[in-house]
Structures are given as C-alpha cells and as structure tokens.
Amino acid sequence: MSKQQTSLCSVLLLCGLLALVECRHPFDFFDESFEDFEHCLQINNITHAEYEAFESFGNKENLLKDKVEAKFKCNIDCQLQKQPIKWLNQHGRMDLKLMNATTEAAESITNCMKDALNEQCSYSFKLVMCAYLANHPVVDYEYNEESLFELPVDDYEYQTEESHETVNNANTILNVLQINIPN
C-alpha cells in the first residue's frame, strides 16, 4: 500500500470515528424497558413530544447548563433508578463501584458532583450530566461491551481541567498519523 493510500485510509477511518463522536448524547446511558420508560413519563406528566424535545440534540446545551424543568429532572431520576446497571445506592446516592467507573471518570464525576443539590431529582440529573462530561463509558447492553464514544468538541467547555487530557491524547494520535485538521 502506498503512502497516499495509507494516508487516505487513515483519514477515512478518522472521519468515521469523528462522525461517531458527534452522535454522543448525555442520555446514551439509558436502557430501561419500554414499560419502565412509559411509567416514568406518566408519573412525571410528560408527553412523548415533550420528552423528544427535551432529549433532542438541539436542547443539549440547556441540559449541560442545567436549564431544565423539575419534572424532566424527576423523569431522569426515575429512568436512572430503572436501569439494568445501577448507579445509585439504597440511599439514592451515586455509587462509583456500581457504576463501574474508571479511576479517571470516578475522579471527574466526584469533582463535578461536589455542588450537587440534595434533592433527589436534581441529584440524579446532575449525576447523569457529570458522567457524560467525564466520558464515563456507555455500556452496549446488547453486547455488554463499552462504547468508544468521546464528547463532541463543543461540550468540552463544560468540563473540568482534568478532563481536557482526552483532547490532548486525541491531538497526539493525530500528530502521530500526521493528519492536520484545521480549527
């Protein structure tokens, strides 16, 4: 394979990975049953249309800035409690062991949760946002493997300084591949 063909293959592979990156969403963690999902909507008086607007990529900035109505936070708490892999202990507080958080993700999540409110709905919503910002792996429930998605670039402004290491690692990979991506 020529150097040009190798470079082209590298660029195509990178473009495919970047396309996957843009698809990541804070609620990718959820995998409760349809019945549980419906139950959570019903008890929080949320229609399907309201939930679709709430979880849309267009609303992601509001999610990350915590500009969310209480009923949606309570819906997230309900969904979180229905997950096959539990994140909350019997007292409704995060359990990093149950979450199977990596050391790096656990540190980031713990730091992010320092200002979490004690109110259960707000607490659970904050935990989901912190896990997303920490790049906590998304479990592929069908295959039980971790996802390789990373945060979209525009979401890094919501992270702490420690989490910028991921961007630095990606830049190192691009440099090794000698791929120049304009800003």
N, C-alpha and C. Protein backbone atom coordinates (compact mmCIF):
# COMPACT_ATOMS: atom_id res chain seq x y z
N MET A 1 0.85 -1.18 0.00
CA MET A 1 0.00 0.00 0.00
C MET A 1 0.90 1.24 0.00
N SER A 2 0.60 2.17 -0.88
CA SER A 2 1.42 3.38 -0.99
C SER A 2 1.16 4.31 0.20
N LYS A 3 2.04 5.28 0.35
CA LYS A 3 1.89 6.25 1.44
C LYS A 3 0.59 7.03 1.28
N GLN A 4 0.23 7.36 0.03
CA GLN A 4 -1.02 8.10 -0.21
C GLN A 4 -2.22 7.25 0.16
N GLN A 5 -2.20 5.97 -0.19
CA GLN A 5 -3.31 5.09 0.15
C GLN A 5 -3.43 4.92 1.65
N THR A 6 -2.29 4.78 2.33
CA THR A 6 -2.29 4.65 3.78
C THR A 6 -2.85 5.91 4.43
N SER A 7 -2.43 7.06 3.93
CA SER A 7 -2.95 8.33 4.47
C SER A 7 -4.44 8.46 4.23
N LEU A 8 -4.89 8.08 3.05
CA LEU A 8 -6.31 8.16 2.73
C LEU A 8 -7.11 7.23 3.65
N CYS A 9 -6.61 6.02 3.86
CA CYS A 9 -7.31 5.09 4.76
C CYS A 9 -7.37 5.65 6.18
N SER A 10 -6.28 6.26 6.62
CA SER A 10 -6.24 6.85 7.97
C SER A 10 -7.26 7.98 8.09
N VAL A 11 -7.34 8.83 7.08
CA VAL A 11 -8.29 9.94 7.10
C VAL A 11 -9.72 9.42 7.10
N LEU A 12 -10.01 8.42 6.27
CA LEU A 12 -11.36 7.86 6.22
C LEU A 12 -11.74 7.22 7.56
N LEU A 13 -10.80 6.51 8.17
CA LEU A 13 -11.05 5.91 9.48
C LEU A 13 -11.31 6.99 10.51
N LEU A 14 -10.51 8.03 10.50
CA LEU A 14 -10.67 9.14 11.44
C LEU A 14 -12.01 9.84 11.23
N CYS A 15 -12.39 10.06 9.98
CA CYS A 15 -13.69 10.71 9.69
C CYS A 15 -14.83 9.87 10.22
N GLY A 16 -14.74 8.56 10.07
CA GLY A 16 -15.77 7.67 10.60
C GLY A 16 -15.86 7.77 12.11
N LEU A 17 -14.70 7.80 12.78
CA LEU A 17 -14.69 7.93 14.23
C LEU A 17 -15.23 9.28 14.67
N LEU A 18 -14.88 10.34 13.95
CA LEU A 18 -15.39 11.67 14.29
C LEU A 18 -16.91 11.74 14.11
N ALA A 19 -17.44 11.04 13.12
CA ALA A 19 -18.90 11.01 12.93
C ALA A 19 -19.56 10.36 14.13
N LEU A 20 -18.96 9.30 14.67
CA LEU A 20 -19.50 8.66 15.86
C LEU A 20 -19.45 9.59 17.05
N VAL A 21 -18.38 10.36 17.17
CA VAL A 21 -18.21 11.29 18.28
C VAL A 21 -19.37 12.26 18.34
N GLU A 22 -19.77 12.79 17.21
CA GLU A 22 -20.83 13.79 17.18
C GLU A 22 -22.18 13.21 17.60
N CYS A 23 -22.31 11.90 17.65
CA CYS A 23 -23.59 11.27 17.97
C CYS A 23 -23.80 11.06 19.47
N ARG A 24 -22.81 11.30 20.28
CA ARG A 24 -22.92 11.04 21.71
C ARG A 24 -23.88 12.03 22.37
N HIS A 25 -24.66 11.54 23.30
CA HIS A 25 -25.66 12.35 24.00
C HIS A 25 -25.64 11.97 25.48
N PRO A 26 -25.96 12.92 26.37
CA PRO A 26 -25.94 12.61 27.81
C PRO A 26 -26.83 11.43 28.23
N PHE A 27 -27.88 11.14 27.47
CA PHE A 27 -28.80 10.08 27.86
C PHE A 27 -28.50 8.75 27.18
N ASP A 28 -27.34 8.63 26.54
CA ASP A 28 -26.95 7.37 25.92
C ASP A 28 -26.82 6.25 26.95
N PHE A 29 -26.72 6.60 28.22
CA PHE A 29 -26.58 5.61 29.28
C PHE A 29 -27.85 4.81 29.50
N PHE A 30 -29.00 5.37 29.14
CA PHE A 30 -30.27 4.77 29.50
C PHE A 30 -30.63 3.57 28.63
N ASP A 31 -31.09 2.51 29.32
CA ASP A 31 -31.51 1.31 28.61
C ASP A 31 -32.61 0.58 29.39
N GLU A 32 -33.51 1.33 30.00
CA GLU A 32 -34.61 0.70 30.72
C GLU A 32 -35.61 0.14 29.70
N SER A 33 -36.51 -0.69 30.17
CA SER A 33 -37.52 -1.26 29.28
C SER A 33 -38.49 -0.17 28.81
N PHE A 34 -39.19 -0.47 27.73
CA PHE A 34 -40.18 0.48 27.22
C PHE A 34 -41.25 0.74 28.26
N GLU A 35 -41.66 -0.30 28.98
CA GLU A 35 -42.68 -0.16 30.03
C GLU A 35 -42.19 0.77 31.14
N ASP A 36 -40.93 0.61 31.53
CA ASP A 36 -40.37 1.49 32.56
C ASP A 36 -40.28 2.93 32.06
N PHE A 37 -39.86 3.10 30.81
CA PHE A 37 -39.78 4.43 30.22
C PHE A 37 -41.16 5.09 30.21
N GLU A 38 -42.16 4.36 29.78
CA GLU A 38 -43.54 4.87 29.76
C GLU A 38 -44.01 5.23 31.17
N HIS A 39 -43.70 4.37 32.13
CA HIS A 39 -44.08 4.62 33.52
C HIS A 39 -43.46 5.94 34.02
N CYS A 40 -42.18 6.16 33.72
CA CYS A 40 -41.51 7.39 34.15
C CYS A 40 -42.16 8.62 33.52
N LEU A 41 -42.50 8.52 32.24
CA LEU A 41 -43.18 9.65 31.58
C LEU A 41 -44.52 9.92 32.24
N GLN A 42 -45.27 8.86 32.49
CA GLN A 42 -46.61 9.00 33.06
C GLN A 42 -46.58 9.62 34.45
N ILE A 43 -45.72 9.13 35.33
CA ILE A 43 -45.74 9.65 36.71
C ILE A 43 -45.21 11.08 36.78
N ASN A 44 -44.48 11.51 35.75
CA ASN A 44 -43.97 12.89 35.73
C ASN A 44 -44.77 13.79 34.79
N ASN A 45 -45.90 13.26 34.27
CA ASN A 45 -46.80 14.03 33.43
C ASN A 45 -46.07 14.65 32.23
N ILE A 46 -45.32 13.81 31.50
CA ILE A 46 -44.57 14.25 30.33
C ILE A 46 -45.07 13.49 29.11
N THR A 47 -45.38 14.22 28.06
CA THR A 47 -45.80 13.58 26.81
C THR A 47 -44.58 13.12 26.03
N HIS A 48 -44.82 12.26 25.05
CA HIS A 48 -43.72 11.81 24.19
C HIS A 48 -43.11 12.99 23.45
N ALA A 49 -43.94 13.88 22.97
CA ALA A 49 -43.44 15.04 22.23
C ALA A 49 -42.57 15.93 23.13
N GLU A 50 -43.01 16.13 24.37
CA GLU A 50 -42.21 16.93 25.31
C GLU A 50 -40.86 16.27 25.58
N TYR A 51 -40.89 14.95 25.75
CA TYR A 51 -39.64 14.25 26.04
C TYR A 51 -38.70 14.28 24.83
N GLU A 52 -39.25 14.10 23.65
CA GLU A 52 -38.42 14.16 22.44
C GLU A 52 -37.75 15.52 22.30
N ALA A 53 -38.48 16.60 22.60
CA ALA A 53 -37.88 17.94 22.55
C ALA A 53 -36.82 18.09 23.64
N PHE A 54 -37.11 17.54 24.81
CA PHE A 54 -36.18 17.62 25.95
C PHE A 54 -34.87 16.91 25.65
N GLU A 55 -34.94 15.72 25.06
CA GLU A 55 -33.73 14.93 24.83
C GLU A 55 -33.06 15.20 23.48
N SER A 56 -33.60 16.12 22.73
CA SER A 56 -33.04 16.39 21.40
C SER A 56 -31.64 16.99 21.50
N PHE A 57 -30.86 16.77 20.44
CA PHE A 57 -29.52 17.35 20.39
C PHE A 57 -29.59 18.88 20.43
N GLY A 58 -30.67 19.45 19.92
CA GLY A 58 -30.85 20.90 19.95
C GLY A 58 -31.00 21.45 21.35
N ASN A 59 -31.39 20.60 22.30
CA ASN A 59 -31.57 21.02 23.69
C ASN A 59 -30.37 20.65 24.57
N LYS A 60 -29.35 20.06 23.98
CA LYS A 60 -28.22 19.56 24.77
C LYS A 60 -27.51 20.66 25.55
N GLU A 61 -27.40 21.84 24.98
CA GLU A 61 -26.74 22.94 25.71
C GLU A 61 -27.51 23.29 26.98
N ASN A 62 -28.85 23.31 26.90
CA ASN A 62 -29.66 23.56 28.10
C ASN A 62 -29.45 22.47 29.14
N LEU A 63 -29.34 21.22 28.70
CA LEU A 63 -29.09 20.12 29.63
C LEU A 63 -27.76 20.34 30.35
N LEU A 64 -26.73 20.66 29.58
CA LEU A 64 -25.40 20.83 30.15
C LEU A 64 -25.30 22.05 31.07
N LYS A 65 -26.15 23.05 30.83
CA LYS A 65 -26.17 24.25 31.68
C LYS A 65 -27.20 24.14 32.80
N ASP A 66 -27.84 22.96 32.92
CA ASP A 66 -28.82 22.69 33.96
C ASP A 66 -30.04 23.61 33.86
N LYS A 67 -30.42 23.97 32.65
CA LYS A 67 -31.63 24.77 32.43
C LYS A 67 -32.76 23.81 32.07
N VAL A 68 -33.25 23.13 33.12
CA VAL A 68 -34.19 22.03 32.93
C VAL A 68 -35.30 22.13 33.98
N GLU A 69 -36.55 21.93 33.54
CA GLU A 69 -37.68 21.92 34.46
C GLU A 69 -37.58 20.73 35.42
N ALA A 70 -38.13 20.89 36.61
CA ALA A 70 -38.08 19.86 37.64
C ALA A 70 -38.69 18.54 37.17
N LYS A 71 -39.79 18.59 36.42
CA LYS A 71 -40.44 17.34 36.02
C LYS A 71 -39.53 16.50 35.13
N PHE A 72 -38.67 17.15 34.34
CA PHE A 72 -37.73 16.41 33.50
C PHE A 72 -36.60 15.81 34.34
N LYS A 73 -36.16 16.56 35.35
CA LYS A 73 -35.14 16.01 36.25
C LYS A 73 -35.69 14.80 37.00
N CYS A 74 -36.95 14.87 37.41
CA CYS A 74 -37.57 13.74 38.10
C CYS A 74 -37.75 12.55 37.16
N ASN A 75 -38.00 12.84 35.90
CA ASN A 75 -38.09 11.77 34.92
C ASN A 75 -36.73 11.08 34.76
N ILE A 76 -35.66 11.86 34.73
CA ILE A 76 -34.31 11.30 34.64
C ILE A 76 -34.00 10.46 35.88
N ASP A 77 -34.40 10.94 37.05
CA ASP A 77 -34.21 10.16 38.27
C ASP A 77 -34.95 8.82 38.17
N CYS A 78 -36.17 8.86 37.69
CA CYS A 78 -36.96 7.64 37.53
C CYS A 78 -36.26 6.68 36.56
N GLN A 79 -35.83 7.20 35.41
CA GLN A 79 -35.14 6.36 34.43
C GLN A 79 -33.85 5.78 35.01
N LEU A 80 -33.11 6.59 35.74
CA LEU A 80 -31.85 6.14 36.32
C LEU A 80 -32.09 4.99 37.29
N GLN A 81 -33.17 5.07 38.04
CA GLN A 81 -33.47 4.02 39.01
C GLN A 81 -33.97 2.74 38.35
N LYS A 82 -34.37 2.82 37.09
CA LYS A 82 -34.88 1.65 36.36
C LYS A 82 -33.80 0.96 35.53
N GLN A 83 -32.59 1.47 35.54
CA GLN A 83 -31.52 0.93 34.70
C GLN A 83 -31.10 -0.47 35.12
N PRO A 84 -30.69 -1.30 34.14
CA PRO A 84 -30.21 -2.63 34.48
C PRO A 84 -28.91 -2.58 35.30
N ILE A 85 -28.06 -1.61 35.04
CA ILE A 85 -26.85 -1.41 35.83
C ILE A 85 -27.10 -0.21 36.73
N LYS A 86 -27.14 -0.46 38.03
CA LYS A 86 -27.48 0.59 39.00
C LYS A 86 -26.33 1.57 39.19
N TRP A 87 -26.68 2.82 39.34
CA TRP A 87 -25.71 3.88 39.63
C TRP A 87 -25.90 4.43 41.03
N LEU A 88 -27.07 4.18 41.60
CA LEU A 88 -27.42 4.75 42.90
C LEU A 88 -27.47 3.65 43.95
N ASN A 89 -27.00 3.96 45.15
CA ASN A 89 -27.09 3.01 46.25
C ASN A 89 -28.50 3.04 46.84
N GLN A 90 -28.72 2.30 47.92
CA GLN A 90 -30.06 2.21 48.53
C GLN A 90 -30.52 3.55 49.11
N HIS A 91 -29.62 4.52 49.27
CA HIS A 91 -29.97 5.84 49.78
C HIS A 91 -30.15 6.86 48.65
N GLY A 92 -30.08 6.39 47.40
CA GLY A 92 -30.27 7.28 46.27
C GLY A 92 -29.05 8.14 45.93
N ARG A 93 -27.87 7.72 46.39
CA ARG A 93 -26.64 8.47 46.12
C ARG A 93 -25.74 7.67 45.20
N MET A 94 -24.88 8.38 44.47
CA MET A 94 -24.03 7.71 43.49
C MET A 94 -23.16 6.66 44.16
N ASP A 95 -22.94 5.59 43.42
CA ASP A 95 -22.06 4.52 43.85
C ASP A 95 -21.14 4.21 42.68
N LEU A 96 -19.92 4.72 42.77
CA LEU A 96 -18.98 4.61 41.66
C LEU A 96 -18.59 3.17 41.38
N LYS A 97 -18.66 2.31 42.39
CA LYS A 97 -18.38 0.89 42.17
C LYS A 97 -19.51 0.25 41.36
N LEU A 98 -20.75 0.54 41.73
CA LEU A 98 -21.88 0.02 40.96
C LEU A 98 -21.83 0.52 39.52
N MET A 99 -21.42 1.76 39.36
CA MET A 99 -21.32 2.37 38.02
C MET A 99 -20.17 1.77 37.22
N ASN A 100 -19.25 1.09 37.91
CA ASN A 100 -18.05 0.54 37.28
C ASN A 100 -17.25 1.65 36.59
N ALA A 101 -17.11 2.76 37.30
CA ALA A 101 -16.41 3.93 36.75
C ALA A 101 -14.91 3.69 36.75
N THR A 102 -14.27 4.13 35.69
CA THR A 102 -12.81 4.09 35.65
C THR A 102 -12.27 5.07 36.70
N THR A 103 -11.01 4.94 37.04
CA THR A 103 -10.40 5.84 38.03
C THR A 103 -10.52 7.28 37.56
N GLU A 104 -10.21 7.51 36.30
CA GLU A 104 -10.27 8.87 35.75
C GLU A 104 -11.70 9.42 35.77
N ALA A 105 -12.66 8.60 35.32
CA ALA A 105 -14.06 9.03 35.31
C ALA A 105 -14.56 9.26 36.74
N ALA A 106 -14.18 8.37 37.66
CA ALA A 106 -14.63 8.50 39.05
C ALA A 106 -14.16 9.81 39.66
N GLU A 107 -12.91 10.19 39.41
CA GLU A 107 -12.39 11.45 39.92
C GLU A 107 -13.16 12.64 39.34
N SER A 108 -13.40 12.59 38.05
CA SER A 108 -14.10 13.69 37.39
C SER A 108 -15.55 13.78 37.88
N ILE A 109 -16.22 12.63 38.00
CA ILE A 109 -17.61 12.62 38.46
C ILE A 109 -17.70 13.13 39.90
N THR A 110 -16.81 12.67 40.75
CA THR A 110 -16.79 13.11 42.15
C THR A 110 -16.60 14.61 42.25
N ASN A 111 -15.65 15.14 41.48
CA ASN A 111 -15.40 16.58 41.48
C ASN A 111 -16.63 17.34 40.97
N CYS A 112 -17.24 16.86 39.93
CA CYS A 112 -18.42 17.50 39.34
C CYS A 112 -19.61 17.48 40.31
N MET A 113 -19.74 16.41 41.09
CA MET A 113 -20.89 16.25 41.99
C MET A 113 -20.76 17.04 43.29
N LYS A 114 -19.65 17.71 43.50
CA LYS A 114 -19.44 18.46 44.75
C LYS A 114 -20.53 19.50 44.98
N ASP A 115 -21.04 20.08 43.91
CA ASP A 115 -22.06 21.12 44.07
C ASP A 115 -23.48 20.61 43.76
N ALA A 116 -23.65 19.29 43.77
CA ALA A 116 -24.97 18.71 43.50
C ALA A 116 -25.92 19.01 44.66
N LEU A 117 -27.16 19.29 44.31
CA LEU A 117 -28.18 19.51 45.34
C LEU A 117 -28.58 18.18 45.98
N ASN A 118 -29.07 18.23 47.21
CA ASN A 118 -29.51 17.02 47.89
C ASN A 118 -30.85 16.51 47.39
N GLU A 119 -31.66 17.38 46.83
CA GLU A 119 -32.97 16.97 46.31
C GLU A 119 -32.75 15.87 45.26
N GLN A 120 -33.49 14.76 45.39
CA GLN A 120 -33.21 13.55 44.63
C GLN A 120 -33.25 13.75 43.12
N CYS A 121 -34.23 14.43 42.60
CA CYS A 121 -34.35 14.60 41.15
C CYS A 121 -33.17 15.41 40.60
N SER A 122 -32.83 16.49 41.26
CA SER A 122 -31.69 17.31 40.84
C SER A 122 -30.39 16.54 40.97
N TYR A 123 -30.27 15.76 42.03
CA TYR A 123 -29.06 14.97 42.26
C TYR A 123 -28.84 13.96 41.13
N SER A 124 -29.88 13.22 40.79
CA SER A 124 -29.77 12.21 39.73
C SER A 124 -29.48 12.84 38.38
N PHE A 125 -30.15 13.95 38.09
CA PHE A 125 -29.90 14.64 36.82
C PHE A 125 -28.44 15.08 36.75
N LYS A 126 -27.94 15.66 37.83
CA LYS A 126 -26.56 16.12 37.87
C LYS A 126 -25.60 14.95 37.68
N LEU A 127 -25.89 13.81 38.28
CA LEU A 127 -25.04 12.63 38.14
C LEU A 127 -24.95 12.19 36.68
N VAL A 128 -26.05 12.18 35.98
CA VAL A 128 -26.04 11.79 34.57
C VAL A 128 -25.21 12.78 33.76
N MET A 129 -25.37 14.08 34.03
CA MET A 129 -24.58 15.08 33.31
C MET A 129 -23.09 14.94 33.64
N CYS A 130 -22.77 14.72 34.90
CA CYS A 130 -21.36 14.57 35.30
C CYS A 130 -20.74 13.34 34.67
N ALA A 131 -21.49 12.25 34.61
CA ALA A 131 -20.98 11.02 33.98
C ALA A 131 -20.71 11.26 32.49
N TYR A 132 -21.62 11.97 31.86
CA TYR A 132 -21.43 12.31 30.43
C TYR A 132 -20.17 13.15 30.24
N LEU A 133 -20.02 14.18 31.04
CA LEU A 133 -18.86 15.07 30.92
C LEU A 133 -17.55 14.39 31.29
N ALA A 134 -17.63 13.34 32.10
CA ALA A 134 -16.44 12.59 32.49
C ALA A 134 -16.09 11.51 31.46
N ASN A 135 -16.87 11.43 30.40
CA ASN A 135 -16.69 10.37 29.39
C ASN A 135 -16.83 8.99 30.00
N HIS A 136 -17.72 8.87 30.99
CA HIS A 136 -18.00 7.56 31.56
C HIS A 136 -18.47 6.66 30.43
N PRO A 137 -17.89 5.48 30.29
CA PRO A 137 -18.24 4.62 29.15
C PRO A 137 -19.72 4.26 29.12
N VAL A 138 -20.26 4.27 27.93
CA VAL A 138 -21.63 3.85 27.71
C VAL A 138 -21.60 2.35 27.48
N VAL A 139 -22.39 1.60 28.23
CA VAL A 139 -22.43 0.16 28.07
C VAL A 139 -23.34 -0.19 26.91
N ASP A 140 -22.84 -1.05 26.02
CA ASP A 140 -23.68 -1.59 24.96
C ASP A 140 -24.38 -2.80 25.56
N TYR A 141 -25.62 -2.62 25.98
CA TYR A 141 -26.32 -3.67 26.71
C TYR A 141 -26.52 -4.92 25.87
N GLU A 142 -26.61 -4.75 24.56
CA GLU A 142 -26.81 -5.91 23.70
C GLU A 142 -25.57 -6.80 23.68
N TYR A 143 -24.40 -6.19 23.62
CA TYR A 143 -23.15 -6.94 23.54
C TYR A 143 -22.34 -6.88 24.82
N ASN A 144 -22.76 -6.06 25.77
CA ASN A 144 -22.08 -5.87 27.05
C ASN A 144 -20.62 -5.45 26.88
N GLU A 145 -20.38 -4.58 25.92
CA GLU A 145 -19.06 -4.02 25.70
C GLU A 145 -19.15 -2.52 25.91
N GLU A 146 -18.01 -1.88 26.24
CA GLU A 146 -18.00 -0.43 26.44
C GLU A 146 -17.97 0.27 25.10
N SER A 147 -18.62 1.41 25.04
CA SER A 147 -18.61 2.24 23.84
C SER A 147 -17.30 3.03 23.79
N LEU A 148 -16.90 3.39 22.57
CA LEU A 148 -15.66 4.14 22.41
C LEU A 148 -15.93 5.61 22.12
N PHE A 149 -17.17 6.06 22.32
CA PHE A 149 -17.50 7.45 22.02
C PHE A 149 -16.79 8.42 22.95
N GLU A 150 -16.47 9.56 22.45
CA GLU A 150 -15.92 10.66 23.24
C GLU A 150 -16.88 11.83 23.14
N LEU A 151 -16.68 12.83 23.96
CA LEU A 151 -17.52 14.03 23.92
C LEU A 151 -17.33 14.79 22.63
N PRO A 152 -18.41 15.35 22.10
CA PRO A 152 -18.24 16.29 21.00
C PRO A 152 -17.40 17.48 21.46
N VAL A 153 -16.62 18.01 20.56
CA VAL A 153 -15.67 19.07 20.90
C VAL A 153 -16.33 20.24 21.60
N ASP A 154 -17.53 20.66 21.17
CA ASP A 154 -18.16 21.83 21.77
C ASP A 154 -18.64 21.60 23.20
N ASP A 155 -18.65 20.37 23.69
CA ASP A 155 -19.06 20.10 25.06
C ASP A 155 -17.91 20.18 26.04
N TYR A 156 -16.68 20.31 25.56
CA TYR A 156 -15.53 20.34 26.46
C TYR A 156 -15.53 21.59 27.34
N GLU A 157 -16.20 22.66 26.92
CA GLU A 157 -16.21 23.87 27.75
C GLU A 157 -16.92 23.65 29.07
N TYR A 158 -17.73 22.59 29.17
CA TYR A 158 -18.46 22.30 30.40
C TYR A 158 -17.66 21.42 31.35
N GLN A 159 -16.51 20.92 30.89
CA GLN A 159 -15.72 20.01 31.69
C GLN A 159 -14.74 20.73 32.61
N THR A 160 -14.17 19.94 33.51
CA THR A 160 -13.12 20.45 34.38
C THR A 160 -11.78 20.34 33.66
N GLU A 161 -10.75 20.95 34.20
CA GLU A 161 -9.42 20.93 33.59
C GLU A 161 -8.87 19.52 33.42
N GLU A 162 -9.12 18.63 34.41
CA GLU A 162 -8.57 17.29 34.34
C GLU A 162 -9.05 16.54 33.11
N SER A 163 -10.26 16.80 32.67
CA SER A 163 -10.82 16.04 31.57
C SER A 163 -10.32 16.48 30.20
N HIS A 164 -9.58 17.57 30.15
CA HIS A 164 -9.03 18.01 28.87
C HIS A 164 -7.91 17.11 28.38
N GLU A 165 -7.46 16.19 29.23
CA GLU A 165 -6.41 15.26 28.83
C GLU A 165 -6.86 14.42 27.64
N THR A 166 -8.14 14.11 27.53
CA THR A 166 -8.65 13.33 26.42
C THR A 166 -8.40 14.05 25.10
N VAL A 167 -8.63 15.35 25.08
CA VAL A 167 -8.37 16.12 23.86
C VAL A 167 -6.89 16.08 23.52
N ASN A 168 -6.04 16.24 24.53
CA ASN A 168 -4.60 16.18 24.29
C ASN A 168 -4.19 14.83 23.73
N ASN A 169 -4.78 13.75 24.24
CA ASN A 169 -4.47 12.42 23.72
C ASN A 169 -4.90 12.28 22.27
N ALA A 170 -6.06 12.81 21.93
CA ALA A 170 -6.54 12.76 20.54
C ALA A 170 -5.61 13.55 19.63
N ASN A 171 -5.15 14.71 20.08
CA ASN A 171 -4.23 15.50 19.28
C ASN A 171 -2.91 14.77 19.07
N THR A 172 -2.44 14.04 20.07
CA THR A 172 -1.22 13.26 19.94
C THR A 172 -1.39 12.19 18.86
N ILE A 173 -2.52 11.51 18.86
CA ILE A 173 -2.80 10.49 17.85
C ILE A 173 -2.79 11.10 16.46
N LEU A 174 -3.44 12.26 16.31
CA LEU A 174 -3.48 12.92 15.01
C LEU A 174 -2.07 13.31 14.56
N ASN A 175 -1.24 13.77 15.50
CA ASN A 175 0.12 14.12 15.15
C ASN A 175 0.93 12.92 14.71
N VAL A 176 0.75 11.78 15.39
CA VAL A 176 1.46 10.56 15.02
C VAL A 176 1.04 10.13 13.62
N LEU A 177 -0.25 10.23 13.31
CA LEU A 177 -0.74 9.88 11.98
C LEU A 177 -0.41 10.95 10.95
N GLN A 178 0.13 12.06 11.40
CA GLN A 178 0.49 13.20 10.57
C GLN A 178 -0.72 13.72 9.79
N ILE A 179 -1.82 13.83 10.54
CA ILE A 179 -3.05 14.36 9.96
C ILE A 179 -3.24 15.74 10.53
N ASN A 180 -3.44 16.70 9.68
CA ASN A 180 -3.62 18.08 10.11
C ASN A 180 -5.09 18.45 9.94
N ILE A 181 -5.76 18.74 11.04
CA ILE A 181 -7.17 19.13 10.99
C ILE A 181 -7.24 20.60 11.33
N PRO A 182 -7.77 21.43 10.40
CA PRO A 182 -7.86 22.86 10.70
C PRO A 182 -8.87 23.14 11.78
N ASN A 183 -8.64 24.21 12.55
CA ASN A 183 -9.57 24.60 13.62
C ASN A 183 -10.79 25.26 13.09
